[in-house]
PDB file of N, CA and C in Angstrom:
ATOM      1  N   UNK A   1    -148.457  88.036  60.748  1.00  0.00           N
ATOM      2  CA  UNK A   1    -148.724  86.672  60.334  1.00  0.00           C
ATOM      3  C   UNK A   1    -150.187  86.582  59.906  1.00  0.00           C
ATOM      4  N   UNK A   2    -150.399  86.010  58.759  1.00  0.00           N
ATOM      5  CA  UNK A   2    -151.770  85.869  58.272  1.00  0.00           C
ATOM      6  C   UNK A   2    -152.457  84.724  59.018  1.00  0.00           C
ATOM      7  N   UNK A   3    -153.781  84.697  58.930  1.00  0.00           N
ATOM      8  CA  UNK A   3    -154.526  83.621  59.571  1.00  0.00           C
ATOM      9  C   UNK A   3    -154.137  82.269  58.973  1.00  0.00           C
ATOM     10  N   UNK A   4    -153.918  82.224  57.677  1.00  0.00           N
ATOM     11  CA  UNK A   4    -153.520  80.971  57.028  1.00  0.00           C
ATOM     12  C   UNK A   4    -152.153  80.514  57.539  1.00  0.00           C
ATOM     13  N   UNK A   5    -151.217  81.444  57.647  1.00  0.00           N
ATOM     14  CA  UNK A   5    -149.889  81.093  58.171  1.00  0.00           C
ATOM     15  C   UNK A   5    -149.996  80.614  59.616  1.00  0.00           C
ATOM     16  N   UNK A   6    -150.835  81.282  60.408  1.00  0.00           N
ATOM     17  CA  UNK A   6    -151.052  80.861  61.785  1.00  0.00           C
ATOM     18  C   UNK A   6    -151.577  79.432  61.833  1.00  0.00           C
ATOM     19  N   UNK A   7    -152.574  79.139  61.039  1.00  0.00           N
ATOM     20  CA  UNK A   7    -153.182  77.804  61.026  1.00  0.00           C
ATOM     21  C   UNK A   7    -152.210  76.724  60.586  1.00  0.00           C
ATOM     22  N   UNK A   8    -151.192  77.091  59.835  1.00  0.00           N
ATOM     23  CA  UNK A   8    -150.205  76.131  59.359  1.00  0.00           C
ATOM     24  C   UNK A   8    -149.009  75.997  60.297  1.00  0.00           C
ATOM     25  N   UNK A   9    -148.932  76.809  61.324  1.00  0.00           N
ATOM     26  CA  UNK A   9    -147.771  76.804  62.209  1.00  0.00           C
ATOM     27  C   UNK A   9    -147.791  75.627  63.177  1.00  0.00           C
ATOM     28  N   UNK A  10    -146.603  75.230  63.624  1.00  0.00           N
ATOM     29  CA  UNK A  10    -146.463  74.180  64.634  1.00  0.00           C
ATOM     30  C   UNK A  10    -147.159  74.582  65.931  1.00  0.00           C
ATOM     31  N   UNK A  11    -147.079  75.855  66.249  1.00  0.00           N
ATOM     32  CA  UNK A  11    -147.680  76.353  67.479  1.00  0.00           C
ATOM     33  C   UNK A  11    -149.192  76.207  67.447  1.00  0.00           C
ATOM     34  N   UNK A  12    -149.801  76.497  66.311  1.00  0.00           N
ATOM     35  CA  UNK A  12    -151.250  76.345  66.184  1.00  0.00           C
ATOM     36  C   UNK A  12    -151.632  74.882  66.342  1.00  0.00           C
ATOM     37  N   UNK A  13    -150.882  73.999  65.712  1.00  0.00           N
ATOM     38  CA  UNK A  13    -151.171  72.570  65.806  1.00  0.00           C
ATOM     39  C   UNK A  13    -151.020  72.086  67.259  1.00  0.00           C
ATOM     40  N   UNK A  14    -150.008  72.582  67.948  1.00  0.00           N
ATOM     41  CA  UNK A  14    -149.822  72.217  69.356  1.00  0.00           C
ATOM     42  C   UNK A  14    -150.975  72.754  70.207  1.00  0.00           C
ATOM     43  N   UNK A  15    -151.402  73.984  69.926  1.00  0.00           N
ATOM     44  CA  UNK A  15    -152.523  74.561  70.664  1.00  0.00           C
ATOM     45  C   UNK A  15    -153.793  73.748  70.434  1.00  0.00           C
ATOM     46  N   UNK A  16    -154.013  73.275  69.219  1.00  0.00           N
ATOM     47  CA  UNK A  16    -155.189  72.450  68.930  1.00  0.00           C
ATOM     48  C   UNK A  16    -155.107  71.109  69.662  1.00  0.00           C
ATOM     49  N   UNK A  17    -153.907  70.527  69.736  1.00  0.00           N
ATOM     50  CA  UNK A  17    -153.748  69.267  70.465  1.00  0.00           C
ATOM     51  C   UNK A  17    -154.032  69.482  71.950  1.00  0.00           C
ATOM     52  N   UNK A  18    -153.572  70.600  72.501  1.00  0.00           N
ATOM     53  CA  UNK A  18    -153.867  70.912  73.900  1.00  0.00           C
ATOM     54  C   UNK A  18    -155.358  71.163  74.080  1.00  0.00           C
ATOM     55  N   UNK A  19    -155.969  71.863  73.138  1.00  0.00           N
ATOM     56  CA  UNK A  19    -157.409  72.099  73.190  1.00  0.00           C
ATOM     57  C   UNK A  19    -158.165  70.776  73.255  1.00  0.00           C
ATOM     58  N   UNK A  20    -157.743  69.818  72.449  1.00  0.00           N
ATOM     59  CA  UNK A  20    -158.381  68.505  72.437  1.00  0.00           C
ATOM     60  C   UNK A  20    -158.228  67.822  73.795  1.00  0.00           C
ATOM     61  N   UNK A  21    -157.037  67.916  74.383  1.00  0.00           N
ATOM     62  CA  UNK A  21    -156.807  67.307  75.697  1.00  0.00           C
ATOM     63  C   UNK A  21    -157.637  67.987  76.786  1.00  0.00           C
ATOM     64  N   UNK A  22    -157.770  69.315  76.700  1.00  0.00           N
ATOM     65  CA  UNK A  22    -158.538  70.068  77.697  1.00  0.00           C
ATOM     66  C   UNK A  22    -160.038  69.811  77.597  1.00  0.00           C
ATOM     67  N   UNK A  23    -160.502  69.387  76.440  1.00  0.00           N
ATOM     68  CA  UNK A  23    -161.925  69.256  76.172  1.00  0.00           C
ATOM     69  C   UNK A  23    -162.476  67.942  76.739  1.00  0.00           C
ATOM     70  N   UNK A  24    -162.283  67.764  78.021  1.00  0.00           N
ATOM     71  CA  UNK A  24    -162.796  66.589  78.713  1.00  0.00           C
ATOM     72  C   UNK A  24    -163.034  66.950  80.178  1.00  0.00           C
ATOM     73  N   UNK A  25    -164.023  66.361  80.756  1.00  0.00           N
ATOM     74  CA  UNK A  25    -164.327  66.658  82.163  1.00  0.00           C
ATOM     75  C   UNK A  25    -163.274  66.067  83.116  1.00  0.00           C
ATOM     76  N   UNK A  26    -162.419  65.185  82.600  1.00  0.00           N
ATOM     77  CA  UNK A  26    -161.439  64.547  83.475  1.00  0.00           C
ATOM     78  C   UNK A  26    -160.080  65.250  83.456  1.00  0.00           C
ATOM     79  N   UNK A  27    -159.948  66.382  82.738  1.00  0.00           N
ATOM     80  CA  UNK A  27    -158.680  67.119  82.709  1.00  0.00           C
ATOM     81  C   UNK A  27    -158.364  67.636  84.103  1.00  0.00           C
ATOM     82  N   UNK A  28    -157.130  67.428  84.542  1.00  0.00           N
ATOM     83  CA  UNK A  28    -156.702  67.884  85.868  1.00  0.00           C
ATOM     84  C   UNK A  28    -155.499  68.821  85.714  1.00  0.00           C
ATOM     85  N   UNK A  29    -155.732  70.133  85.840  1.00  0.00           N
ATOM     86  CA  UNK A  29    -154.631  71.091  85.690  1.00  0.00           C
ATOM     87  C   UNK A  29    -153.454  70.806  86.620  1.00  0.00           C
ATOM     88  N   UNK A  30    -153.740  70.347  87.820  1.00  0.00           N
ATOM     89  CA  UNK A  30    -152.674  70.072  88.785  1.00  0.00           C
ATOM     90  C   UNK A  30    -151.780  68.932  88.317  1.00  0.00           C
ATOM     91  N   UNK A  31    -152.366  67.915  87.687  1.00  0.00           N
ATOM     92  CA  UNK A  31    -151.579  66.790  87.175  1.00  0.00           C
ATOM     93  C   UNK A  31    -150.714  67.261  86.007  1.00  0.00           C
ATOM     94  N   UNK A  32    -151.285  68.080  85.133  1.00  0.00           N
ATOM     95  CA  UNK A  32    -150.506  68.655  84.028  1.00  0.00           C
ATOM     96  C   UNK A  32    -149.333  69.440  84.595  1.00  0.00           C
ATOM     97  N   UNK A  33    -149.602  70.281  85.593  1.00  0.00           N
ATOM     98  CA  UNK A  33    -148.554  71.106  86.189  1.00  0.00           C
ATOM     99  C   UNK A  33    -147.441  70.238  86.785  1.00  0.00           C
ATOM    100  N   UNK A  34    -147.799  69.173  87.474  1.00  0.00           N
ATOM    101  CA  UNK A  34    -146.784  68.284  88.050  1.00  0.00           C
ATOM    102  C   UNK A  34    -145.992  67.558  86.967  1.00  0.00           C
ATOM    103  N   UNK A  35    -146.636  67.300  85.844  1.00  0.00           N
ATOM    104  CA  UNK A  35    -145.993  66.570  84.755  1.00  0.00           C
ATOM    105  C   UNK A  35    -144.842  67.342  84.132  1.00  0.00           C
ATOM    106  N   UNK A  36    -144.907  68.670  84.154  1.00  0.00           N
ATOM    107  CA  UNK A  36    -143.834  69.427  83.514  1.00  0.00           C
ATOM    108  C   UNK A  36    -142.529  69.373  84.304  1.00  0.00           C
ATOM    109  N   UNK A  37    -142.577  68.859  85.519  1.00  0.00           N
ATOM    110  CA  UNK A  37    -141.337  68.662  86.276  1.00  0.00           C
ATOM    111  C   UNK A  37    -140.368  67.763  85.523  1.00  0.00           C
ATOM    112  N   UNK A  38    -140.906  66.942  84.634  1.00  0.00           N
ATOM    113  CA  UNK A  38    -140.089  65.981  83.903  1.00  0.00           C
ATOM    114  C   UNK A  38    -139.596  66.525  82.562  1.00  0.00           C
ATOM    115  N   UNK A  39    -139.979  67.741  82.222  1.00  0.00           N
ATOM    116  CA  UNK A  39    -139.468  68.393  81.014  1.00  0.00           C
ATOM    117  C   UNK A  39    -137.990  68.716  81.216  1.00  0.00           C
ATOM    118  N   UNK A  40    -137.284  68.815  80.128  1.00  0.00           N
ATOM    119  CA  UNK A  40    -135.927  69.356  80.145  1.00  0.00           C
ATOM    120  C   UNK A  40    -136.018  70.781  80.704  1.00  0.00           C
ATOM    121  N   UNK A  41    -135.046  71.200  81.474  1.00  0.00           N
ATOM    122  CA  UNK A  41    -135.104  72.506  82.145  1.00  0.00           C
ATOM    123  C   UNK A  41    -135.289  73.662  81.152  1.00  0.00           C
ATOM    124  N   UNK A  42    -134.621  73.584  80.000  1.00  0.00           N
ATOM    125  CA  UNK A  42    -134.794  74.624  78.987  1.00  0.00           C
ATOM    126  C   UNK A  42    -136.229  74.650  78.486  1.00  0.00           C
ATOM    127  N   UNK A  43    -136.847  73.490  78.355  1.00  0.00           N
ATOM    128  CA  UNK A  43    -138.234  73.433  77.883  1.00  0.00           C
ATOM    129  C   UNK A  43    -139.208  73.905  78.957  1.00  0.00           C
ATOM    130  N   UNK A  44    -138.852  73.732  80.228  1.00  0.00           N
ATOM    131  CA  UNK A  44    -139.670  74.309  81.296  1.00  0.00           C
ATOM    132  C   UNK A  44    -139.687  75.834  81.154  1.00  0.00           C
ATOM    133  N   UNK A  45    -138.517  76.394  80.851  1.00  0.00           N
ATOM    134  CA  UNK A  45    -138.409  77.844  80.671  1.00  0.00           C
ATOM    135  C   UNK A  45    -139.233  78.289  79.454  1.00  0.00           C
ATOM    136  N   UNK A  46    -139.172  77.511  78.367  1.00  0.00           N
ATOM    137  CA  UNK A  46    -139.923  77.847  77.155  1.00  0.00           C
ATOM    138  C   UNK A  46    -141.430  77.753  77.404  1.00  0.00           C
ATOM    139  N   UNK A  47    -141.856  76.761  78.172  1.00  0.00           N
ATOM    140  CA  UNK A  47    -143.267  76.650  78.525  1.00  0.00           C
ATOM    141  C   UNK A  47    -143.702  77.870  79.334  1.00  0.00           C
ATOM    142  N   UNK A  48    -142.892  78.285  80.278  1.00  0.00           N
ATOM    143  CA  UNK A  48    -143.254  79.442  81.098  1.00  0.00           C
ATOM    144  C   UNK A  48    -143.340  80.697  80.243  1.00  0.00           C
ATOM    145  N   UNK A  49    -142.389  80.854  79.284  1.00  0.00           N
ATOM    146  CA  UNK A  49    -142.461  81.968  78.347  1.00  0.00           C
ATOM    147  C   UNK A  49    -143.775  81.933  77.576  1.00  0.00           C
ATOM    148  N   UNK A  50    -144.179  80.741  77.181  1.00  0.00           N
ATOM    149  CA  UNK A  50    -145.426  80.552  76.442  1.00  0.00           C
ATOM    150  C   UNK A  50    -146.624  80.918  77.300  1.00  0.00           C
ATOM    151  N   UNK A  51    -146.617  80.492  78.548  1.00  0.00           N
ATOM    152  CA  UNK A  51    -147.731  80.813  79.446  1.00  0.00           C
ATOM    153  C   UNK A  51    -147.843  82.320  79.665  1.00  0.00           C
ATOM    154  N   UNK A  52    -146.724  83.000  79.757  1.00  0.00           N
ATOM    155  CA  UNK A  52    -146.746  84.459  79.890  1.00  0.00           C
ATOM    156  C   UNK A  52    -147.342  85.086  78.634  1.00  0.00           C
ATOM    157  N   UNK A  53    -146.958  84.572  77.461  1.00  0.00           N
ATOM    158  CA  UNK A  53    -147.523  85.088  76.216  1.00  0.00           C
ATOM    159  C   UNK A  53    -149.032  84.864  76.168  1.00  0.00           C
ATOM    160  N   UNK A  54    -149.496  83.741  76.698  1.00  0.00           N
ATOM    161  CA  UNK A  54    -150.940  83.461  76.757  1.00  0.00           C
ATOM    162  C   UNK A  54    -151.630  84.484  77.660  1.00  0.00           C
ATOM    163  N   UNK A  55    -151.046  84.761  78.799  1.00  0.00           N
ATOM    164  CA  UNK A  55    -151.621  85.738  79.727  1.00  0.00           C
ATOM    165  C   UNK A  55    -151.717  87.108  79.059  1.00  0.00           C
ATOM    166  N   UNK A  56    -150.649  87.516  78.384  1.00  0.00           N
ATOM    167  CA  UNK A  56    -150.637  88.816  77.716  1.00  0.00           C
ATOM    168  C   UNK A  56    -151.704  88.869  76.625  1.00  0.00           C
ATOM    169  N   UNK A  57    -151.837  87.808  75.846  1.00  0.00           N
ATOM    170  CA  UNK A  57    -152.841  87.765  74.778  1.00  0.00           C
ATOM    171  C   UNK A  57    -154.256  87.808  75.351  1.00  0.00           C
ATOM    172  N   UNK A  58    -154.506  87.043  76.410  1.00  0.00           N
ATOM    173  CA  UNK A  58    -155.842  87.009  77.013  1.00  0.00           C
ATOM    174  C   UNK A  58    -156.212  88.331  77.665  1.00  0.00           C
ATOM    175  N   UNK A  59    -155.224  89.127  78.034  1.00  0.00           N
ATOM    176  CA  UNK A  59    -155.475  90.405  78.703  1.00  0.00           C
ATOM    177  C   UNK A  59    -155.845  91.520  77.736  1.00  0.00           C
ATOM    178  N   UNK A  60    -155.628  91.313  76.449  1.00  0.00           N
ATOM    179  CA  UNK A  60    -155.880  92.373  75.471  1.00  0.00           C
ATOM    180  C   UNK A  60    -157.362  92.738  75.418  1.00  0.00           C
ATOM    181  N   UNK A  61    -157.621  94.018  75.222  1.00  0.00           N
ATOM    182  CA  UNK A  61    -158.998  94.506  75.179  1.00  0.00           C
ATOM    183  C   UNK A  61    -159.806  93.882  74.047  1.00  0.00           C
ATOM    184  N   UNK A  62    -159.142  93.500  72.952  1.00  0.00           N
ATOM    185  CA  UNK A  62    -159.870  92.922  71.820  1.00  0.00           C
ATOM    186  C   UNK A  62    -159.974  91.392  71.904  1.00  0.00           C
ATOM    187  N   UNK A  63    -159.569  90.813  73.031  1.00  0.00           N
ATOM    188  CA  UNK A  63    -159.712  89.368  73.214  1.00  0.00           C
ATOM    189  C   UNK A  63    -161.194  89.063  73.422  1.00  0.00           C
ATOM    190  N   UNK A  64    -161.710  88.171  72.601  1.00  0.00           N
ATOM    191  CA  UNK A  64    -163.152  87.887  72.650  1.00  0.00           C
ATOM    192  C   UNK A  64    -163.525  87.168  73.949  1.00  0.00           C
ATOM    193  N   UNK A  65    -164.508  87.729  74.654  1.00  0.00           N
ATOM    194  CA  UNK A  65    -164.955  87.139  75.914  1.00  0.00           C
ATOM    195  C   UNK A  65    -166.464  86.987  75.933  1.00  0.00           C
ATOM    196  N   UNK A  66    -166.896  86.124  76.813  1.00  0.00           N
ATOM    197  CA  UNK A  66    -168.297  85.985  77.188  1.00  0.00           C
ATOM    198  C   UNK A  66    -168.263  85.468  78.622  1.00  0.00           C
ATOM    199  N   UNK A  67    -169.396  85.198  79.244  1.00  0.00           N
ATOM    200  CA  UNK A  67    -169.364  84.792  80.653  1.00  0.00           C
ATOM    201  C   UNK A  67    -168.502  83.549  80.949  1.00  0.00           C
ATOM    202  N   UNK A  68    -168.240  82.713  79.943  1.00  0.00           N
ATOM    203  CA  UNK A  68    -167.451  81.500  80.179  1.00  0.00           C
ATOM    204  C   UNK A  68    -165.970  81.780  80.383  1.00  0.00           C
ATOM    205  N   UNK A  69    -165.451  82.864  79.819  1.00  0.00           N
ATOM    206  CA  UNK A  69    -164.022  83.142  79.974  1.00  0.00           C
ATOM    207  C   UNK A  69    -163.726  84.549  80.489  1.00  0.00           C
ATOM    208  N   UNK A  70    -164.753  85.266  80.925  1.00  0.00           N
ATOM    209  CA  UNK A  70    -164.556  86.636  81.412  1.00  0.00           C
ATOM    210  C   UNK A  70    -163.615  86.687  82.615  1.00  0.00           C
ATOM    211  N   UNK A  71    -163.738  85.747  83.525  1.00  0.00           N
ATOM    212  CA  UNK A  71    -162.876  85.742  84.710  1.00  0.00           C
ATOM    213  C   UNK A  71    -161.414  85.536  84.313  1.00  0.00           C
ATOM    214  N   UNK A  72    -161.166  84.699  83.325  1.00  0.00           N
ATOM    215  CA  UNK A  72    -159.789  84.497  82.849  1.00  0.00           C
ATOM    216  C   UNK A  72    -159.239  85.782  82.249  1.00  0.00           C
ATOM    217  N   UNK A  73    -160.047  86.445  81.430  1.00  0.00           N
ATOM    218  CA  UNK A  73    -159.642  87.721  80.829  1.00  0.00           C
ATOM    219  C   UNK A  73    -159.347  88.752  81.919  1.00  0.00           C
ATOM    220  N   UNK A  74    -160.236  88.869  82.884  1.00  0.00           N
ATOM    221  CA  UNK A  74    -160.060  89.852  83.964  1.00  0.00           C
ATOM    222  C   UNK A  74    -158.804  89.549  84.785  1.00  0.00           C
ATOM    223  N   UNK A  75    -158.578  88.286  85.081  1.00  0.00           N
ATOM    224  CA  UNK A  75    -157.388  87.904  85.855  1.00  0.00           C
ATOM    225  C   UNK A  75    -156.124  88.173  85.057  1.00  0.00           C
ATOM    226  N   UNK A  76    -156.129  87.817  83.776  1.00  0.00           N
ATOM    227  CA  UNK A  76    -154.970  88.083  82.920  1.00  0.00           C
ATOM    228  C   UNK A  76    -154.691  89.579  82.854  1.00  0.00           C
ATOM    229  N   UNK A  77    -155.739  90.362  82.710  1.00  0.00           N
ATOM    230  CA  UNK A  77    -155.590  91.822  82.654  1.00  0.00           C
ATOM    231  C   UNK A  77    -154.985  92.360  83.961  1.00  0.00           C
ATOM    232  N   UNK A  78    -155.437  91.830  85.093  1.00  0.00           N
ATOM    233  CA  UNK A  78    -154.899  92.263  86.395  1.00  0.00           C
ATOM    234  C   UNK A  78    -153.417  91.908  86.513  1.00  0.00           C
ATOM    235  N   UNK A  79    -153.049  90.734  86.026  1.00  0.00           N
ATOM    236  CA  UNK A  79    -151.634  90.324  86.075  1.00  0.00           C
ATOM    237  C   UNK A  79    -150.793  91.268  85.224  1.00  0.00           C
ATOM    238  N   UNK A  80    -151.230  91.534  84.001  1.00  0.00           N
ATOM    239  CA  UNK A  80    -150.478  92.422  83.109  1.00  0.00           C
ATOM    240  C   UNK A  80    -150.397  93.826  83.697  1.00  0.00           C
ATOM    241  N   UNK A  81    -151.520  94.332  84.184  1.00  0.00           N
ATOM    242  CA  UNK A  81    -151.549  95.690  84.735  1.00  0.00           C
ATOM    243  C   UNK A  81    -150.731  95.828  86.014  1.00  0.00           C
ATOM    244  N   UNK A  82    -150.500  94.716  86.713  1.00  0.00           N
ATOM    245  CA  UNK A  82    -149.684  94.777  87.931  1.00  0.00           C
ATOM    246  C   UNK A  82    -148.233  95.126  87.638  1.00  0.00           C
ATOM    247  N   UNK A  83    -147.806  94.883  86.400  1.00  0.00           N
ATOM    248  CA  UNK A  83    -146.427  95.178  86.020  1.00  0.00           C
ATOM    249  C   UNK A  83    -145.447  94.058  86.316  1.00  0.00           C
ATOM    250  N   UNK A  84    -145.893  93.007  86.964  1.00  0.00           N
ATOM    251  CA  UNK A  84    -144.994  91.923  87.337  1.00  0.00           C
ATOM    252  C   UNK A  84    -144.330  91.280  86.119  1.00  0.00           C
ATOM    253  N   UNK A  85    -145.062  91.227  84.997  1.00  0.00           N
ATOM    254  CA  UNK A  85    -144.491  90.604  83.801  1.00  0.00           C
ATOM    255  C   UNK A  85    -143.446  91.496  83.139  1.00  0.00           C
ATOM    256  N   UNK A  86    -143.484  92.789  83.416  1.00  0.00           N
ATOM    257  CA  UNK A  86    -142.483  93.710  82.868  1.00  0.00           C
ATOM    258  C   UNK A  86    -141.095  93.390  83.410  1.00  0.00           C
ATOM    259  N   UNK A  87    -141.064  92.805  84.593  1.00  0.00           N
ATOM    260  CA  UNK A  87    -139.798  92.501  85.252  1.00  0.00           C
ATOM    261  C   UNK A  87    -139.303  91.092  84.950  1.00  0.00           C
ATOM    262  N   UNK A  88    -140.101  90.294  84.253  1.00  0.00           N
ATOM    263  CA  UNK A  88    -139.738  88.909  83.978  1.00  0.00           C
ATOM    264  C   UNK A  88    -138.587  88.856  82.973  1.00  0.00           C
ATOM    265  N   UNK A  89    -137.525  88.159  83.349  1.00  0.00           N
ATOM    266  CA  UNK A  89    -136.391  87.931  82.459  1.00  0.00           C
ATOM    267  C   UNK A  89    -136.210  86.422  82.368  1.00  0.00           C
ATOM    268  N   UNK A  90    -136.504  85.870  81.213  1.00  0.00           N
ATOM    269  CA  UNK A  90    -136.469  84.420  81.032  1.00  0.00           C
ATOM    270  C   UNK A  90    -135.534  84.079  79.881  1.00  0.00           C
ATOM    271  N   UNK A  91    -134.226  84.008  80.160  1.00  0.00           N
ATOM    272  CA  UNK A  91    -133.265  83.774  79.084  1.00  0.00           C
ATOM    273  C   UNK A  91    -133.377  82.362  78.517  1.00  0.00           C
ATOM    274  N   UNK A  92    -133.031  82.233  77.258  1.00  0.00           N
ATOM    275  CA  UNK A  92    -132.948  80.919  76.609  1.00  0.00           C
ATOM    276  C   UNK A  92    -131.528  80.440  76.800  1.00  0.00           C
ATOM    277  N   UNK A  93    -131.363  79.410  77.635  1.00  0.00           N
ATOM    278  CA  UNK A  93    -130.012  78.896  77.941  1.00  0.00           C
ATOM    279  C   UNK A  93    -129.927  77.452  77.484  1.00  0.00           C
TER     280      UNK A  93
END
């Protein structure tokens, strides 16, 4: 996928909307997490698939880091290297 195609995708637009929501000192991850209880069960599964994809992407050696996100990169890398995600089976039902 080219960068232009990425920028035009629904996923990119959704990521930018989430970025905008996160860009505030009042963002509460725990409230967001509790809010997904109200998602349709299939969409909960799709969100979890997405979160796993985020972890895998952040764990890559070429993922750009600096002191602000190094801990996230290191944690993502530890999760991927643990092998736990290799066993994840998340069917679309």
